[in-house]
Amino acid sequence: MHNNKNIASQHSLVQFIQMAITRIDSLNTMDYEVLPRTVKLD
């Protein structure tokens, strides 16, 4: 049971990473304005 839950969350993580990569791939000016607020790079 613990394994199934773990696999499910790993799958979600993979989907999330793929989505993030897709977004990074299609970065434009607007994304550059949004990114610093989401990821606070100081």
PDB file of N, CA and C in Angstrom:
ATOM      1  N   MET A   1       0.840  -1.208   0.000  1.00  0.00           N
ATOM      2  CA  MET A   1       0.000   0.000   0.000  1.00  0.00           C
ATOM      3  C   MET A   1       0.876   1.261   0.000  1.00  0.00           C
ATOM      4  N   HIS A   2       1.890   1.256   0.827  1.00  0.00           N
ATOM      5  CA  HIS A   2       2.785   2.401   0.875  1.00  0.00           C
ATOM      6  C   HIS A   2       3.460   2.616  -0.476  1.00  0.00           C
ATOM      7  N   ASN A   3       3.822   1.483  -1.112  1.00  0.00           N
ATOM      8  CA  ASN A   3       4.487   1.548  -2.415  1.00  0.00           C
ATOM      9  C   ASN A   3       3.602   2.190  -3.468  1.00  0.00           C
ATOM     10  N   ASN A   4       2.327   1.787  -3.512  1.00  0.00           N
ATOM     11  CA  ASN A   4       1.402   2.329  -4.507  1.00  0.00           C
ATOM     12  C   ASN A   4       1.284   3.839  -4.366  1.00  0.00           C
ATOM     13  N   LYS A   5       1.180   4.294  -3.125  1.00  0.00           N
ATOM     14  CA  LYS A   5       1.058   5.726  -2.880  1.00  0.00           C
ATOM     15  C   LYS A   5       2.324   6.438  -3.369  1.00  0.00           C
ATOM     16  N   ASN A   6       3.461   5.825  -3.082  1.00  0.00           N
ATOM     17  CA  ASN A   6       4.743   6.409  -3.475  1.00  0.00           C
ATOM     18  C   ASN A   6       4.850   6.507  -4.988  1.00  0.00           C
ATOM     19  N   ILE A   7       4.463   5.441  -5.672  1.00  0.00           N
ATOM     20  CA  ILE A   7       4.516   5.427  -7.142  1.00  0.00           C
ATOM     21  C   ILE A   7       3.603   6.517  -7.703  1.00  0.00           C
ATOM     22  N   ALA A   8       2.444   6.669  -7.106  1.00  0.00           N
ATOM     23  CA  ALA A   8       1.490   7.671  -7.587  1.00  0.00           C
ATOM     24  C   ALA A   8       2.077   9.075  -7.453  1.00  0.00           C
ATOM     25  N   SER A   9       2.695   9.364  -6.313  1.00  0.00           N
ATOM     26  CA  SER A   9       3.245  10.700  -6.108  1.00  0.00           C
ATOM     27  C   SER A   9       4.472  10.916  -6.989  1.00  0.00           C
ATOM     28  N   GLN A  10       5.228   9.849  -7.235  1.00  0.00           N
ATOM     29  CA  GLN A  10       6.368   9.973  -8.143  1.00  0.00           C
ATOM     30  C   GLN A  10       5.876  10.293  -9.549  1.00  0.00           C
ATOM     31  N   HIS A  11       4.763   9.662  -9.945  1.00  0.00           N
ATOM     32  CA  HIS A  11       4.199   9.906 -11.271  1.00  0.00           C
ATOM     33  C   HIS A  11       3.754  11.367 -11.385  1.00  0.00           C
ATOM     34  N   SER A  12       3.121  11.875 -10.340  1.00  0.00           N
ATOM     35  CA  SER A  12       2.680  13.273 -10.350  1.00  0.00           C
ATOM     36  C   SER A  12       3.893  14.190 -10.458  1.00  0.00           C
ATOM     37  N   LEU A  13       4.953  13.819  -9.757  1.00  0.00           N
ATOM     38  CA  LEU A  13       6.170  14.622  -9.780  1.00  0.00           C
ATOM     39  C   LEU A  13       6.750  14.653 -11.190  1.00  0.00           C
ATOM     40  N   VAL A  14       6.760  13.490 -11.843  1.00  0.00           N
ATOM     41  CA  VAL A  14       7.265  13.422 -13.221  1.00  0.00           C
ATOM     42  C   VAL A  14       6.422  14.306 -14.125  1.00  0.00           C
ATOM     43  N   GLN A  15       5.097  14.230 -13.971  1.00  0.00           N
ATOM     44  CA  GLN A  15       4.213  15.065 -14.790  1.00  0.00           C
ATOM     45  C   GLN A  15       4.488  16.541 -14.521  1.00  0.00           C
ATOM     46  N   PHE A  16       4.684  16.876 -13.234  1.00  0.00           N
ATOM     47  CA  PHE A  16       4.943  18.263 -12.861  1.00  0.00           C
ATOM     48  C   PHE A  16       6.242  18.756 -13.492  1.00  0.00           C
ATOM     49  N   ILE A  17       7.277  17.906 -13.429  1.00  0.00           N
ATOM     50  CA  ILE A  17       8.570  18.281 -14.001  1.00  0.00           C
ATOM     51  C   ILE A  17       8.450  18.453 -15.511  1.00  0.00           C
ATOM     52  N   GLN A  18       7.730  17.537 -16.160  1.00  0.00           N
ATOM     53  CA  GLN A  18       7.551  17.642 -17.610  1.00  0.00           C
ATOM     54  C   GLN A  18       6.815  18.929 -17.961  1.00  0.00           C
ATOM     55  N   MET A  19       5.809  19.271 -17.165  1.00  0.00           N
ATOM     56  CA  MET A  19       5.054  20.490 -17.405  1.00  0.00           C
ATOM     57  C   MET A  19       5.968  21.704 -17.226  1.00  0.00           C
ATOM     58  N   ALA A  20       6.800  21.659 -16.191  1.00  0.00           N
ATOM     59  CA  ALA A  20       7.715  22.766 -15.932  1.00  0.00           C
ATOM     60  C   ALA A  20       8.708  22.919 -17.080  1.00  0.00           C
ATOM     61  N   ILE A  21       9.220  21.787 -17.572  1.00  0.00           N
ATOM     62  CA  ILE A  21      10.162  21.824 -18.696  1.00  0.00           C
ATOM     63  C   ILE A  21       9.482  22.409 -19.925  1.00  0.00           C
ATOM     64  N   THR A  22       8.235  22.015 -20.153  1.00  0.00           N
ATOM     65  CA  THR A  22       7.492  22.540 -21.298  1.00  0.00           C
ATOM     66  C   THR A  22       7.338  24.048 -21.172  1.00  0.00           C
ATOM     67  N   ARG A  23       7.023  24.509 -19.956  1.00  0.00           N
ATOM     68  CA  ARG A  23       6.856  25.946 -19.739  1.00  0.00           C
ATOM     69  C   ARG A  23       8.184  26.668 -19.940  1.00  0.00           C
ATOM     70  N   ILE A  24       9.256  26.102 -19.421  1.00  0.00           N
ATOM     71  CA  ILE A  24      10.575  26.727 -19.569  1.00  0.00           C
ATOM     72  C   ILE A  24      10.958  26.779 -21.045  1.00  0.00           C
ATOM     73  N   ASP A  25      10.579  25.725 -21.785  1.00  0.00           N
ATOM     74  CA  ASP A  25      10.883  25.671 -23.214  1.00  0.00           C
ATOM     75  C   ASP A  25      10.245  26.841 -23.950  1.00  0.00           C
ATOM     76  N   SER A  26       9.054  27.231 -23.534  1.00  0.00           N
ATOM     77  CA  SER A  26       8.332  28.279 -24.259  1.00  0.00           C
ATOM     78  C   SER A  26       8.318  29.582 -23.461  1.00  0.00           C
ATOM     79  N   LEU A  27       9.458  29.882 -22.846  1.00  0.00           N
ATOM     80  CA  LEU A  27       9.552  31.120 -22.075  1.00  0.00           C
ATOM     81  C   LEU A  27       9.454  32.329 -22.994  1.00  0.00           C
ATOM     82  N   ASN A  28       8.664  33.303 -22.551  1.00  0.00           N
ATOM     83  CA  ASN A  28       8.645  34.579 -23.259  1.00  0.00           C
ATOM     84  C   ASN A  28       8.739  35.700 -22.230  1.00  0.00           C
ATOM     85  N   THR A  29       8.628  36.938 -22.661  1.00  0.00           N
ATOM     86  CA  THR A  29       8.826  38.072 -21.771  1.00  0.00           C
ATOM     87  C   THR A  29       7.906  38.007 -20.566  1.00  0.00           C
ATOM     88  N   MET A  30       6.654  37.630 -20.787  1.00  0.00           N
ATOM     89  CA  MET A  30       5.683  37.577 -19.710  1.00  0.00           C
ATOM     90  C   MET A  30       6.128  36.587 -18.632  1.00  0.00           C
ATOM     91  N   ASP A  31       6.621  35.407 -19.055  1.00  0.00           N
ATOM     92  CA  ASP A  31       7.079  34.399 -18.112  1.00  0.00           C
ATOM     93  C   ASP A  31       8.243  34.931 -17.286  1.00  0.00           C
ATOM     94  N   TYR A  32       9.101  35.712 -17.922  1.00  0.00           N
ATOM     95  CA  TYR A  32      10.247  36.248 -17.197  1.00  0.00           C
ATOM     96  C   TYR A  32       9.805  37.204 -16.095  1.00  0.00           C
ATOM     97  N   GLU A  33       8.653  37.853 -16.280  1.00  0.00           N
ATOM     98  CA  GLU A  33       8.157  38.762 -15.249  1.00  0.00           C
ATOM     99  C   GLU A  33       7.495  37.985 -14.125  1.00  0.00           C
ATOM    100  N   VAL A  34       6.915  36.827 -14.462  1.00  0.00           N
ATOM    101  CA  VAL A  34       6.207  36.031 -13.458  1.00  0.00           C
ATOM    102  C   VAL A  34       7.178  35.191 -12.636  1.00  0.00           C
ATOM    103  N   LEU A  35       8.202  34.652 -13.298  1.00  0.00           N
ATOM    104  CA  LEU A  35       9.142  33.737 -12.649  1.00  0.00           C
ATOM    105  C   LEU A  35       9.765  34.274 -11.361  1.00  0.00           C
ATOM    106  N   PRO A  36      10.332  35.486 -11.360  1.00  0.00           N
ATOM    107  CA  PRO A  36      10.985  35.970 -10.139  1.00  0.00           C
ATOM    108  C   PRO A  36      10.053  35.985  -8.932  1.00  0.00           C
ATOM    109  N   ARG A  37       8.756  36.187  -9.164  1.00  0.00           N
ATOM    110  CA  ARG A  37       7.818  36.200  -8.045  1.00  0.00           C
ATOM    111  C   ARG A  37       7.578  34.783  -7.530  1.00  0.00           C
ATOM    112  N   THR A  38       7.539  33.812  -8.454  1.00  0.00           N
ATOM    113  CA  THR A  38       7.296  32.433  -8.058  1.00  0.00           C
ATOM    114  C   THR A  38       8.542  31.844  -7.409  1.00  0.00           C
ATOM    115  N   VAL A  39       9.669  31.947  -8.113  1.00  0.00           N
ATOM    116  CA  VAL A  39      10.937  31.453  -7.577  1.00  0.00           C
ATOM    117  C   VAL A  39      11.741  32.664  -7.146  1.00  0.00           C
ATOM    118  N   LYS A  40      11.826  32.881  -5.845  1.00  0.00           N
ATOM    119  CA  LYS A  40      12.492  34.083  -5.351  1.00  0.00           C
ATOM    120  C   LYS A  40      14.002  33.886  -5.394  1.00  0.00           C
ATOM    121  N   LEU A  41      14.615  34.404  -6.451  1.00  0.00           N
ATOM    122  CA  LEU A  41      16.062  34.325  -6.599  1.00  0.00           C
ATOM    123  C   LEU A  41      16.665  35.626  -6.092  1.00  0.00           C
ATOM    124  N   ASP A  42      17.389  35.522  -4.990  1.00  0.00           N
ATOM    125  CA  ASP A  42      18.011  36.723  -4.424  1.00  0.00           C
ATOM    126  C   ASP A  42      19.519  36.675  -4.613  1.00  0.00           C
TER     127      ASP A  42
END
